C-alpha cells in the first residue's frame, strides 16, 4: 500500500515535470530576444 502510494507520487511528479517542460519550451522563442536584444527590440517580443 505504501509502495503504491509512492509510485503514484513519483508518476505524478514525472508527469508534472514533463508537462511543464513542454509548455516552457513553447515560450523559448518569445523569451530568447530578452537575452539577445537591446531594450527597444525586446518590446516586440513582450
ModelCIF file with pLDDT and N, C-alpha, C, O atoms, coordinates in Angstrom:
data_MODEL
#
_entry.id   MODEL 
#
_entity.id                         1 
_entity.type                       polymer 
_entity.pdbx_number_of_molecules   1 
#
_entity_poly.entity_id                      1 
_entity_poly.type                           'polypeptide(L)' 
_entity_poly.nstd_linkage                   no 
_entity_poly.nstd_monomer                   no 
_entity_poly.pdbx_seq_one_letter_code       
;(UNK)(UNK)(UNK)(UNK)(UNK)(UNK)(UNK)(UNK)(UNK)(UNK)(UNK)(UNK)(UNK)(UNK)(UNK)(UNK)
(UNK)(UNK)(UNK)(UNK)(UNK)(UNK)(UNK)(UNK)(UNK)(UNK)(UNK)(UNK)(UNK)(UNK)(UNK)(UNK)
(UNK)(UNK)(UNK)(UNK)(UNK)(UNK)(UNK)(UNK)(UNK)(UNK)(UNK)(UNK)(UNK)(UNK)
;
_entity_poly.pdbx_seq_one_letter_code_can   XXXXXXXXXXXXXXXXXXXXXXXXXXXXXXXXXXXXXXXXXXXXXX 
_entity_poly.pdbx_strand_id                 A 
#
loop_
_entity_poly_seq.entity_id 
_entity_poly_seq.num 
_entity_poly_seq.mon_id 
_entity_poly_seq.hetero 
1 1  UNK n 
1 2  UNK n 
1 3  UNK n 
1 4  UNK n 
1 5  UNK n 
1 6  UNK n 
1 7  UNK n 
1 8  UNK n 
1 9  UNK n 
1 10 UNK n 
1 11 UNK n 
1 12 UNK n 
1 13 UNK n 
1 14 UNK n 
1 15 UNK n 
1 16 UNK n 
1 17 UNK n 
1 18 UNK n 
1 19 UNK n 
1 20 UNK n 
1 21 UNK n 
1 22 UNK n 
1 23 UNK n 
1 24 UNK n 
1 25 UNK n 
1 26 UNK n 
1 27 UNK n 
1 28 UNK n 
1 29 UNK n 
1 30 UNK n 
1 31 UNK n 
1 32 UNK n 
1 33 UNK n 
1 34 UNK n 
1 35 UNK n 
1 36 UNK n 
1 37 UNK n 
1 38 UNK n 
1 39 UNK n 
1 40 UNK n 
1 41 UNK n 
1 42 UNK n 
1 43 UNK n 
1 44 UNK n 
1 45 UNK n 
1 46 UNK n 
#
_struct_asym.id          A 
_struct_asym.entity_id   1 
#
loop_
_ma_qa_metric.id 
_ma_qa_metric.mode 
_ma_qa_metric.name 
_ma_qa_metric.software_group_id 
_ma_qa_metric.type 
1 global pLDDT . pLDDT 
2 local  pLDDT . pLDDT 
#
_ma_qa_metric_global.metric_id      1 
_ma_qa_metric_global.metric_value   90.33 
_ma_qa_metric_global.model_id       1 
_ma_qa_metric_global.ordinal_id     1 
#
loop_
_ma_qa_metric_local.label_asym_id 
_ma_qa_metric_local.label_comp_id 
_ma_qa_metric_local.label_seq_id 
_ma_qa_metric_local.metric_id 
_ma_qa_metric_local.metric_value 
_ma_qa_metric_local.model_id 
_ma_qa_metric_local.ordinal_id 
A UNK 1  2 90.00 1 1  
A UNK 2  2 90.00 1 2  
A UNK 3  2 88.00 1 3  
A UNK 4  2 89.00 1 4  
A UNK 5  2 91.00 1 5  
A UNK 6  2 90.00 1 6  
A UNK 7  2 89.00 1 7  
A UNK 8  2 92.00 1 8  
A UNK 9  2 92.00 1 9  
A UNK 10 2 92.00 1 10 
A UNK 11 2 92.00 1 11 
A UNK 12 2 93.00 1 12 
A UNK 13 2 93.00 1 13 
A UNK 14 2 94.00 1 14 
A UNK 15 2 95.00 1 15 
A UNK 16 2 94.00 1 16 
A UNK 17 2 94.00 1 17 
A UNK 18 2 95.00 1 18 
A UNK 19 2 95.00 1 19 
A UNK 20 2 94.00 1 20 
A UNK 21 2 95.00 1 21 
A UNK 22 2 94.00 1 22 
A UNK 23 2 94.00 1 23 
A UNK 24 2 93.00 1 24 
A UNK 25 2 93.00 1 25 
A UNK 26 2 91.00 1 26 
A UNK 27 2 91.00 1 27 
A UNK 28 2 91.00 1 28 
A UNK 29 2 89.00 1 29 
A UNK 30 2 90.00 1 30 
A UNK 31 2 89.00 1 31 
A UNK 32 2 89.00 1 32 
A UNK 33 2 88.00 1 33 
A UNK 34 2 86.00 1 34 
A UNK 35 2 88.00 1 35 
A UNK 36 2 87.00 1 36 
A UNK 37 2 85.00 1 37 
A UNK 38 2 87.00 1 38 
A UNK 39 2 86.00 1 39 
A UNK 40 2 87.00 1 40 
A UNK 41 2 83.00 1 41 
A UNK 42 2 85.00 1 42 
A UNK 43 2 88.00 1 43 
A UNK 44 2 87.00 1 44 
A UNK 45 2 87.00 1 45 
A UNK 46 2 90.00 1 46 
#
loop_
_atom_site.group_PDB 
_atom_site.id 
_atom_site.type_symbol 
_atom_site.label_atom_id 
_atom_site.label_alt_id 
_atom_site.label_comp_id 
_atom_site.label_asym_id 
_atom_site.label_entity_id 
_atom_site.label_seq_id 
_atom_site.pdbx_PDB_ins_code 
_atom_site.Cartn_x 
_atom_site.Cartn_y 
_atom_site.Cartn_z 
_atom_site.occupancy 
_atom_site.B_iso_or_equiv 
_atom_site.pdbx_formal_charge 
_atom_site.auth_seq_id 
_atom_site.auth_comp_id 
_atom_site.auth_asym_id 
_atom_site.auth_atom_id 
_atom_site.pdbx_PDB_model_num 
ATOM 1   N N  . UNK A 1 1  ? 0.838  -1.198 0.000   1.00 90.00 ? 1  UNK A N  1 
ATOM 2   C CA . UNK A 1 1  ? 0.000  0.000  0.000   1.00 90.00 ? 1  UNK A CA 1 
ATOM 3   C C  . UNK A 1 1  ? 0.879  1.255  0.000   1.00 90.00 ? 1  UNK A C  1 
ATOM 4   O O  . UNK A 1 1  ? 0.630  2.201  -0.748  1.00 90.00 ? 1  UNK A O  1 
ATOM 5   N N  . UNK A 1 2  ? 1.903  1.246  0.846   1.00 90.00 ? 2  UNK A N  1 
ATOM 6   C CA . UNK A 1 2  ? 2.839  2.365  0.893   1.00 90.00 ? 2  UNK A CA 1 
ATOM 7   C C  . UNK A 1 2  ? 3.597  2.477  -0.429  1.00 90.00 ? 2  UNK A C  1 
ATOM 8   O O  . UNK A 1 2  ? 3.821  3.580  -0.929  1.00 90.00 ? 2  UNK A O  1 
ATOM 9   N N  . UNK A 1 3  ? 3.985  1.345  -0.988  1.00 88.00 ? 3  UNK A N  1 
ATOM 10  C CA . UNK A 1 3  ? 4.707  1.317  -2.257  1.00 88.00 ? 3  UNK A CA 1 
ATOM 11  C C  . UNK A 1 3  ? 3.860  1.927  -3.375  1.00 88.00 ? 3  UNK A C  1 
ATOM 12  O O  . UNK A 1 3  ? 4.350  2.736  -4.163  1.00 88.00 ? 3  UNK A O  1 
ATOM 13  N N  . UNK A 1 4  ? 2.610  1.541  -3.434  1.00 89.00 ? 4  UNK A N  1 
ATOM 14  C CA . UNK A 1 4  ? 1.717  2.066  -4.480  1.00 89.00 ? 4  UNK A CA 1 
ATOM 15  C C  . UNK A 1 4  ? 1.541  3.580  -4.332  1.00 89.00 ? 4  UNK A C  1 
ATOM 16  O O  . UNK A 1 4  ? 1.504  4.308  -5.324  1.00 89.00 ? 4  UNK A O  1 
ATOM 17  N N  . UNK A 1 5  ? 1.433  4.036  -3.101  1.00 91.00 ? 5  UNK A N  1 
ATOM 18  C CA . UNK A 1 5  ? 1.291  5.481  -2.868  1.00 91.00 ? 5  UNK A CA 1 
ATOM 19  C C  . UNK A 1 5  ? 2.540  6.227  -3.351  1.00 91.00 ? 5  UNK A C  1 
ATOM 20  O O  . UNK A 1 5  ? 2.430  7.287  -3.968  1.00 91.00 ? 5  UNK A O  1 
ATOM 21  N N  . UNK A 1 6  ? 3.716  5.679  -3.073  1.00 90.00 ? 6  UNK A N  1 
ATOM 22  C CA . UNK A 1 6  ? 4.962  6.291  -3.542  1.00 90.00 ? 6  UNK A CA 1 
ATOM 23  C C  . UNK A 1 6  ? 5.045  6.253  -5.066  1.00 90.00 ? 6  UNK A C  1 
ATOM 24  O O  . UNK A 1 6  ? 5.469  7.224  -5.693  1.00 90.00 ? 6  UNK A O  1 
ATOM 25  N N  . UNK A 1 7  ? 4.647  5.146  -5.651  1.00 89.00 ? 7  UNK A N  1 
ATOM 26  C CA . UNK A 1 7  ? 4.674  5.003  -7.102  1.00 89.00 ? 7  UNK A CA 1 
ATOM 27  C C  . UNK A 1 7  ? 3.761  6.039  -7.759  1.00 89.00 ? 7  UNK A C  1 
ATOM 28  O O  . UNK A 1 7  ? 4.116  6.615  -8.788  1.00 89.00 ? 7  UNK A O  1 
ATOM 29  N N  . UNK A 1 8  ? 2.612  6.272  -7.183  1.00 92.00 ? 8  UNK A N  1 
ATOM 30  C CA . UNK A 1 8  ? 1.677  7.279  -7.708  1.00 92.00 ? 8  UNK A CA 1 
ATOM 31  C C  . UNK A 1 8  ? 2.284  8.674  -7.607  1.00 92.00 ? 8  UNK A C  1 
ATOM 32  O O  . UNK A 1 8  ? 2.178  9.463  -8.545  1.00 92.00 ? 8  UNK A O  1 
ATOM 33  N N  . UNK A 1 9  ? 2.915  8.983  -6.486  1.00 92.00 ? 9  UNK A N  1 
ATOM 34  C CA . UNK A 1 9  ? 3.547  10.296 -6.303  1.00 92.00 ? 9  UNK A CA 1 
ATOM 35  C C  . UNK A 1 9  ? 4.687  10.512 -7.302  1.00 92.00 ? 9  UNK A C  1 
ATOM 36  O O  . UNK A 1 9  ? 4.841  11.600 -7.857  1.00 92.00 ? 9  UNK A O  1 
ATOM 37  N N  . UNK A 1 10 ? 5.475  9.469  -7.521  1.00 92.00 ? 10 UNK A N  1 
ATOM 38  C CA . UNK A 1 10 ? 6.593  9.560  -8.472  1.00 92.00 ? 10 UNK A CA 1 
ATOM 39  C C  . UNK A 1 10 ? 6.061  9.774  -9.886  1.00 92.00 ? 10 UNK A C  1 
ATOM 40  O O  . UNK A 1 10 ? 6.564  10.622 -10.622 1.00 92.00 ? 10 UNK A O  1 
ATOM 41  N N  . UNK A 1 11 ? 5.052  9.010  -10.258 1.00 92.00 ? 11 UNK A N  1 
ATOM 42  C CA . UNK A 1 11 ? 4.463  9.141  -11.591 1.00 92.00 ? 11 UNK A CA 1 
ATOM 43  C C  . UNK A 1 11 ? 3.860  10.527 -11.784 1.00 92.00 ? 11 UNK A C  1 
ATOM 44  O O  . UNK A 1 11 ? 4.015  11.134 -12.845 1.00 92.00 ? 11 UNK A O  1 
ATOM 45  N N  . UNK A 1 12 ? 3.176  11.025 -10.766 1.00 93.00 ? 12 UNK A N  1 
ATOM 46  C CA . UNK A 1 12 ? 2.575  12.347 -10.866 1.00 93.00 ? 12 UNK A CA 1 
ATOM 47  C C  . UNK A 1 12 ? 3.641  13.429 -10.993 1.00 93.00 ? 12 UNK A C  1 
ATOM 48  O O  . UNK A 1 12 ? 3.485  14.362 -11.781 1.00 93.00 ? 12 UNK A O  1 
ATOM 49  N N  . UNK A 1 13 ? 4.712  13.316 -10.232 1.00 93.00 ? 13 UNK A N  1 
ATOM 50  C CA . UNK A 1 13 ? 5.798  14.303 -10.305 1.00 93.00 ? 13 UNK A CA 1 
ATOM 51  C C  . UNK A 1 13 ? 6.472  14.264 -11.675 1.00 93.00 ? 13 UNK A C  1 
ATOM 52  O O  . UNK A 1 13 ? 6.827  15.309 -12.221 1.00 93.00 ? 13 UNK A O  1 
ATOM 53  N N  . UNK A 1 14 ? 6.649  13.070 -12.230 1.00 94.00 ? 14 UNK A N  1 
ATOM 54  C CA . UNK A 1 14 ? 7.240  12.949 -13.567 1.00 94.00 ? 14 UNK A CA 1 
ATOM 55  C C  . UNK A 1 14 ? 6.316  13.560 -14.611 1.00 94.00 ? 14 UNK A C  1 
ATOM 56  O O  . UNK A 1 14 ? 6.781  14.242 -15.524 1.00 94.00 ? 14 UNK A O  1 
ATOM 57  N N  . UNK A 1 15 ? 5.030  13.326 -14.487 1.00 95.00 ? 15 UNK A N  1 
ATOM 58  C CA . UNK A 1 15 ? 4.065  13.904 -15.428 1.00 95.00 ? 15 UNK A CA 1 
ATOM 59  C C  . UNK A 1 15 ? 4.040  15.428 -15.328 1.00 95.00 ? 15 UNK A C  1 
ATOM 60  O O  . UNK A 1 15 ? 3.941  16.119 -16.341 1.00 95.00 ? 15 UNK A O  1 
ATOM 61  N N  . UNK A 1 16 ? 4.131  15.949 -14.099 1.00 94.00 ? 16 UNK A N  1 
ATOM 62  C CA . UNK A 1 16 ? 4.177  17.396 -13.911 1.00 94.00 ? 16 UNK A CA 1 
ATOM 63  C C  . UNK A 1 16 ? 5.400  17.990 -14.591 1.00 94.00 ? 16 UNK A C  1 
ATOM 64  O O  . UNK A 1 16 ? 5.299  18.988 -15.303 1.00 94.00 ? 16 UNK A O  1 
ATOM 65  N N  . UNK A 1 17 ? 6.559  17.372 -14.368 1.00 94.00 ? 17 UNK A N  1 
ATOM 66  C CA . UNK A 1 17 ? 7.796  17.879 -14.964 1.00 94.00 ? 17 UNK A CA 1 
ATOM 67  C C  . UNK A 1 17 ? 7.715  17.821 -16.491 1.00 94.00 ? 17 UNK A C  1 
ATOM 68  O O  . UNK A 1 17 ? 8.130  18.760 -17.171 1.00 94.00 ? 17 UNK A O  1 
ATOM 69  N N  . UNK A 1 18 ? 7.190  16.737 -17.024 1.00 95.00 ? 18 UNK A N  1 
ATOM 70  C CA . UNK A 1 18 ? 7.071  16.583 -18.482 1.00 95.00 ? 18 UNK A CA 1 
ATOM 71  C C  . UNK A 1 18 ? 6.146  17.670 -19.053 1.00 95.00 ? 18 UNK A C  1 
ATOM 72  O O  . UNK A 1 18 ? 6.469  18.300 -20.059 1.00 95.00 ? 18 UNK A O  1 
ATOM 73  N N  . UNK A 1 19 ? 5.017  17.877 -18.415 1.00 95.00 ? 19 UNK A N  1 
ATOM 74  C CA . UNK A 1 19 ? 4.054  18.878 -18.865 1.00 95.00 ? 19 UNK A CA 1 
ATOM 75  C C  . UNK A 1 19 ? 4.659  20.281 -18.791 1.00 95.00 ? 19 UNK A C  1 
ATOM 76  O O  . UNK A 1 19 ? 4.508  21.075 -19.720 1.00 95.00 ? 19 UNK A O  1 
ATOM 77  N N  . UNK A 1 20 ? 5.334  20.580 -17.701 1.00 94.00 ? 20 UNK A N  1 
ATOM 78  C CA . UNK A 1 20 ? 5.925  21.907 -17.531 1.00 94.00 ? 20 UNK A CA 1 
ATOM 79  C C  . UNK A 1 20 ? 7.039  22.165 -18.537 1.00 94.00 ? 20 UNK A C  1 
ATOM 80  O O  . UNK A 1 20 ? 7.155  23.272 -19.063 1.00 94.00 ? 20 UNK A O  1 
ATOM 81  N N  . UNK A 1 21 ? 7.857  21.154 -18.808 1.00 95.00 ? 21 UNK A N  1 
ATOM 82  C CA . UNK A 1 21 ? 8.922  21.309 -19.805 1.00 95.00 ? 21 UNK A CA 1 
ATOM 83  C C  . UNK A 1 21 ? 8.308  21.592 -21.176 1.00 95.00 ? 21 UNK A C  1 
ATOM 84  O O  . UNK A 1 21 ? 8.788  22.453 -21.914 1.00 95.00 ? 21 UNK A O  1 
ATOM 85  N N  . UNK A 1 22 ? 7.256  20.868 -21.505 1.00 94.00 ? 22 UNK A N  1 
ATOM 86  C CA . UNK A 1 22 ? 6.595  21.068 -22.803 1.00 94.00 ? 22 UNK A CA 1 
ATOM 87  C C  . UNK A 1 22 ? 6.115  22.511 -22.944 1.00 94.00 ? 22 UNK A C  1 
ATOM 88  O O  . UNK A 1 22 ? 6.358  23.144 -23.972 1.00 94.00 ? 22 UNK A O  1 
ATOM 89  N N  . UNK A 1 23 ? 5.453  23.024 -21.947 1.00 94.00 ? 23 UNK A N  1 
ATOM 90  C CA . UNK A 1 23 ? 4.924  24.380 -22.039 1.00 94.00 ? 23 UNK A CA 1 
ATOM 91  C C  . UNK A 1 23 ? 6.020  25.441 -21.962 1.00 94.00 ? 23 UNK A C  1 
ATOM 92  O O  . UNK A 1 23 ? 5.948  26.457 -22.654 1.00 94.00 ? 23 UNK A O  1 
ATOM 93  N N  . UNK A 1 24 ? 7.017  25.217 -21.137 1.00 93.00 ? 24 UNK A N  1 
ATOM 94  C CA . UNK A 1 24 ? 8.097  26.199 -21.037 1.00 93.00 ? 24 UNK A CA 1 
ATOM 95  C C  . UNK A 1 24 ? 8.935  26.249 -22.313 1.00 93.00 ? 24 UNK A C  1 
ATOM 96  O O  . UNK A 1 24 ? 9.458  27.304 -22.670 1.00 93.00 ? 24 UNK A O  1 
ATOM 97  N N  . UNK A 1 25 ? 9.064  25.112 -23.001 1.00 93.00 ? 25 UNK A N  1 
ATOM 98  C CA . UNK A 1 25 ? 9.752  25.123 -24.298 1.00 93.00 ? 25 UNK A CA 1 
ATOM 99  C C  . UNK A 1 25 ? 8.996  25.989 -25.295 1.00 93.00 ? 25 UNK A C  1 
ATOM 100 O O  . UNK A 1 25 ? 9.605  26.631 -26.151 1.00 93.00 ? 25 UNK A O  1 
ATOM 101 N N  . UNK A 1 26 ? 7.684  26.009 -25.187 1.00 91.00 ? 26 UNK A N  1 
ATOM 102 C CA . UNK A 1 26 ? 6.898  26.825 -26.116 1.00 91.00 ? 26 UNK A CA 1 
ATOM 103 C C  . UNK A 1 26 ? 7.155  28.322 -25.918 1.00 91.00 ? 26 UNK A C  1 
ATOM 104 O O  . UNK A 1 26 ? 6.880  29.117 -26.817 1.00 91.00 ? 26 UNK A O  1 
ATOM 105 N N  . UNK A 1 27 ? 7.671  28.707 -24.771 1.00 91.00 ? 27 UNK A N  1 
ATOM 106 C CA . UNK A 1 27 ? 7.987  30.116 -24.501 1.00 91.00 ? 27 UNK A CA 1 
ATOM 107 C C  . UNK A 1 27 ? 9.344  30.541 -25.039 1.00 91.00 ? 27 UNK A C  1 
ATOM 108 O O  . UNK A 1 27 ? 9.623  31.732 -25.173 1.00 91.00 ? 27 UNK A O  1 
ATOM 109 N N  . UNK A 1 28 ? 10.184 29.564 -25.344 1.00 91.00 ? 28 UNK A N  1 
ATOM 110 C CA . UNK A 1 28 ? 11.575 29.847 -25.678 1.00 91.00 ? 28 UNK A CA 1 
ATOM 111 C C  . UNK A 1 28 ? 11.718 30.875 -26.806 1.00 91.00 ? 28 UNK A C  1 
ATOM 112 O O  . UNK A 1 28 ? 12.547 31.779 -26.713 1.00 91.00 ? 28 UNK A O  1 
ATOM 113 N N  . UNK A 1 29 ? 10.933 30.746 -27.850 1.00 89.00 ? 29 UNK A N  1 
ATOM 114 C CA . UNK A 1 29 ? 11.060 31.673 -28.982 1.00 89.00 ? 29 UNK A CA 1 
ATOM 115 C C  . UNK A 1 29 ? 10.663 33.096 -28.598 1.00 89.00 ? 29 UNK A C  1 
ATOM 116 O O  . UNK A 1 29 ? 11.069 34.057 -29.252 1.00 89.00 ? 29 UNK A O  1 
ATOM 117 N N  . UNK A 1 30 ? 9.867  33.230 -27.532 1.00 90.00 ? 30 UNK A N  1 
ATOM 118 C CA . UNK A 1 30 ? 9.446  34.549 -27.086 1.00 90.00 ? 30 UNK A CA 1 
ATOM 119 C C  . UNK A 1 30 ? 10.429 35.180 -26.108 1.00 90.00 ? 30 UNK A C  1 
ATOM 120 O O  . UNK A 1 30 ? 10.598 36.399 -26.095 1.00 90.00 ? 30 UNK A O  1 
ATOM 121 N N  . UNK A 1 31 ? 11.086 34.345 -25.281 1.00 89.00 ? 31 UNK A N  1 
ATOM 122 C CA . UNK A 1 31 ? 11.996 34.955 -24.307 1.00 89.00 ? 31 UNK A CA 1 
ATOM 123 C C  . UNK A 1 31 ? 13.439 35.019 -24.780 1.00 89.00 ? 31 UNK A C  1 
ATOM 124 O O  . UNK A 1 31 ? 14.251 35.696 -24.150 1.00 89.00 ? 31 UNK A O  1 
ATOM 125 N N  . UNK A 1 32 ? 13.790 34.338 -25.869 1.00 89.00 ? 32 UNK A N  1 
ATOM 126 C CA . UNK A 1 32 ? 15.157 34.452 -26.391 1.00 89.00 ? 32 UNK A CA 1 
ATOM 127 C C  . UNK A 1 32 ? 15.545 35.902 -26.710 1.00 89.00 ? 32 UNK A C  1 
ATOM 128 O O  . UNK A 1 32 ? 16.671 36.303 -26.418 1.00 89.00 ? 32 UNK A O  1 
ATOM 129 N N  . UNK A 1 33 ? 14.638 36.703 -27.305 1.00 88.00 ? 33 UNK A N  1 
ATOM 130 C CA . UNK A 1 33 ? 15.010 38.107 -27.552 1.00 88.00 ? 33 UNK A CA 1 
ATOM 131 C C  . UNK A 1 33 ? 15.326 38.892 -26.279 1.00 88.00 ? 33 UNK A C  1 
ATOM 132 O O  . UNK A 1 33 ? 16.042 39.892 -26.334 1.00 88.00 ? 33 UNK A O  1 
ATOM 133 N N  . UNK A 1 34 ? 14.801 38.452 -25.138 1.00 86.00 ? 34 UNK A N  1 
ATOM 134 C CA . UNK A 1 34 ? 15.109 39.144 -23.889 1.00 86.00 ? 34 UNK A CA 1 
ATOM 135 C C  . UNK A 1 34 ? 16.583 39.001 -23.527 1.00 86.00 ? 34 UNK A C  1 
ATOM 136 O O  . UNK A 1 34 ? 17.156 39.855 -22.850 1.00 86.00 ? 34 UNK A O  1 
ATOM 137 N N  . UNK A 1 35 ? 17.184 37.914 -23.986 1.00 88.00 ? 35 UNK A N  1 
ATOM 138 C CA . UNK A 1 35 ? 18.602 37.674 -23.698 1.00 88.00 ? 35 UNK A CA 1 
ATOM 139 C C  . UNK A 1 35 ? 19.527 38.283 -24.745 1.00 88.00 ? 35 UNK A C  1 
ATOM 140 O O  . UNK A 1 35 ? 20.667 38.635 -24.443 1.00 88.00 ? 35 UNK A O  1 
ATOM 141 N N  . UNK A 1 36 ? 19.037 38.405 -25.973 1.00 87.00 ? 36 UNK A N  1 
ATOM 142 C CA . UNK A 1 36 ? 19.943 38.774 -27.059 1.00 87.00 ? 36 UNK A CA 1 
ATOM 143 C C  . UNK A 1 36 ? 19.676 40.135 -27.692 1.00 87.00 ? 36 UNK A C  1 
ATOM 144 O O  . UNK A 1 36 ? 20.437 40.554 -28.564 1.00 87.00 ? 36 UNK A O  1 
ATOM 145 N N  . UNK A 1 37 ? 18.639 40.827 -27.290 1.00 85.00 ? 37 UNK A N  1 
ATOM 146 C CA . UNK A 1 37 ? 18.285 42.094 -27.931 1.00 85.00 ? 37 UNK A CA 1 
ATOM 147 C C  . UNK A 1 37 ? 18.515 43.280 -27.008 1.00 85.00 ? 37 UNK A C  1 
ATOM 148 O O  . UNK A 1 37 ? 18.676 43.145 -25.795 1.00 85.00 ? 37 UNK A O  1 
ATOM 149 N N  . UNK A 1 38 ? 18.522 44.423 -27.625 1.00 87.00 ? 38 UNK A N  1 
ATOM 150 C CA . UNK A 1 38 ? 18.569 45.659 -26.839 1.00 87.00 ? 38 UNK A CA 1 
ATOM 151 C C  . UNK A 1 38 ? 17.156 45.931 -26.312 1.00 87.00 ? 38 UNK A C  1 
ATOM 152 O O  . UNK A 1 38 ? 16.192 45.363 -26.826 1.00 87.00 ? 38 UNK A O  1 
ATOM 153 N N  . UNK A 1 39 ? 17.019 46.782 -25.305 1.00 86.00 ? 39 UNK A N  1 
ATOM 154 C CA . UNK A 1 39 ? 15.705 47.023 -24.692 1.00 86.00 ? 39 UNK A CA 1 
ATOM 155 C C  . UNK A 1 39 ? 14.608 47.448 -25.680 1.00 86.00 ? 39 UNK A C  1 
ATOM 156 O O  . UNK A 1 39 ? 13.452 47.057 -25.518 1.00 86.00 ? 39 UNK A O  1 
ATOM 157 N N  . UNK A 1 40 ? 14.951 48.232 -26.682 1.00 87.00 ? 40 UNK A N  1 
ATOM 158 C CA . UNK A 1 40 ? 13.939 48.670 -27.654 1.00 87.00 ? 40 UNK A CA 1 
ATOM 159 C C  . UNK A 1 40 ? 13.446 47.477 -28.480 1.00 87.00 ? 40 UNK A C  1 
ATOM 160 O O  . UNK A 1 40 ? 12.247 47.345 -28.725 1.00 87.00 ? 40 UNK A O  1 
ATOM 161 N N  . UNK A 1 41 ? 14.359 46.618 -28.905 1.00 83.00 ? 41 UNK A N  1 
ATOM 162 C CA . UNK A 1 41 ? 13.977 45.441 -29.705 1.00 83.00 ? 41 UNK A CA 1 
ATOM 163 C C  . UNK A 1 41 ? 13.194 44.423 -28.885 1.00 83.00 ? 41 UNK A C  1 
ATOM 164 O O  . UNK A 1 41 ? 12.396 43.662 -29.431 1.00 83.00 ? 41 UNK A O  1 
ATOM 165 N N  . UNK A 1 42 ? 13.422 44.409 -27.583 1.00 85.00 ? 42 UNK A N  1 
ATOM 166 C CA . UNK A 1 42 ? 12.697 43.474 -26.707 1.00 85.00 ? 42 UNK A CA 1 
ATOM 167 C C  . UNK A 1 42 ? 11.197 43.735 -26.722 1.00 85.00 ? 42 UNK A C  1 
ATOM 168 O O  . UNK A 1 42 ? 10.400 42.814 -26.543 1.00 85.00 ? 42 UNK A O  1 
ATOM 169 N N  . UNK A 1 43 ? 10.821 44.964 -26.931 1.00 88.00 ? 43 UNK A N  1 
ATOM 170 C CA . UNK A 1 43 ? 9.403  45.334 -26.884 1.00 88.00 ? 43 UNK A CA 1 
ATOM 171 C C  . UNK A 1 43 ? 8.559  44.508 -27.850 1.00 88.00 ? 43 UNK A C  1 
ATOM 172 O O  . UNK A 1 43 ? 7.403  44.206 -27.554 1.00 88.00 ? 43 UNK A O  1 
ATOM 173 N N  . UNK A 1 44 ? 9.121  44.139 -29.001 1.00 87.00 ? 44 UNK A N  1 
ATOM 174 C CA . UNK A 1 44 ? 8.370  43.351 -29.979 1.00 87.00 ? 44 UNK A CA 1 
ATOM 175 C C  . UNK A 1 44 ? 8.044  41.953 -29.463 1.00 87.00 ? 44 UNK A C  1 
ATOM 176 O O  . UNK A 1 44 ? 7.033  41.370 -29.855 1.00 87.00 ? 44 UNK A O  1 
ATOM 177 N N  . UNK A 1 45 ? 8.890  41.411 -28.587 1.00 87.00 ? 45 UNK A N  1 
ATOM 178 C CA . UNK A 1 45 ? 8.697  40.045 -28.081 1.00 87.00 ? 45 UNK A CA 1 
ATOM 179 C C  . UNK A 1 45 ? 7.707  39.984 -26.919 1.00 87.00 ? 45 UNK A C  1 
ATOM 180 O O  . UNK A 1 45 ? 7.130  38.927 -26.663 1.00 87.00 ? 45 UNK A O  1 
ATOM 181 N N  . UNK A 1 46 ? 7.504  41.079 -26.222 1.00 90.00 ? 46 UNK A N  1 
ATOM 182 C CA . UNK A 1 46 ? 6.696  41.078 -24.995 1.00 90.00 ? 46 UNK A CA 1 
ATOM 183 C C  . UNK A 1 46 ? 5.237  40.652 -25.212 1.00 90.00 ? 46 UNK A C  1 
ATOM 184 O O  . UNK A 1 46 ? 4.458  40.611 -24.259 1.00 90.00 ? 46 UNK A O  1 
#
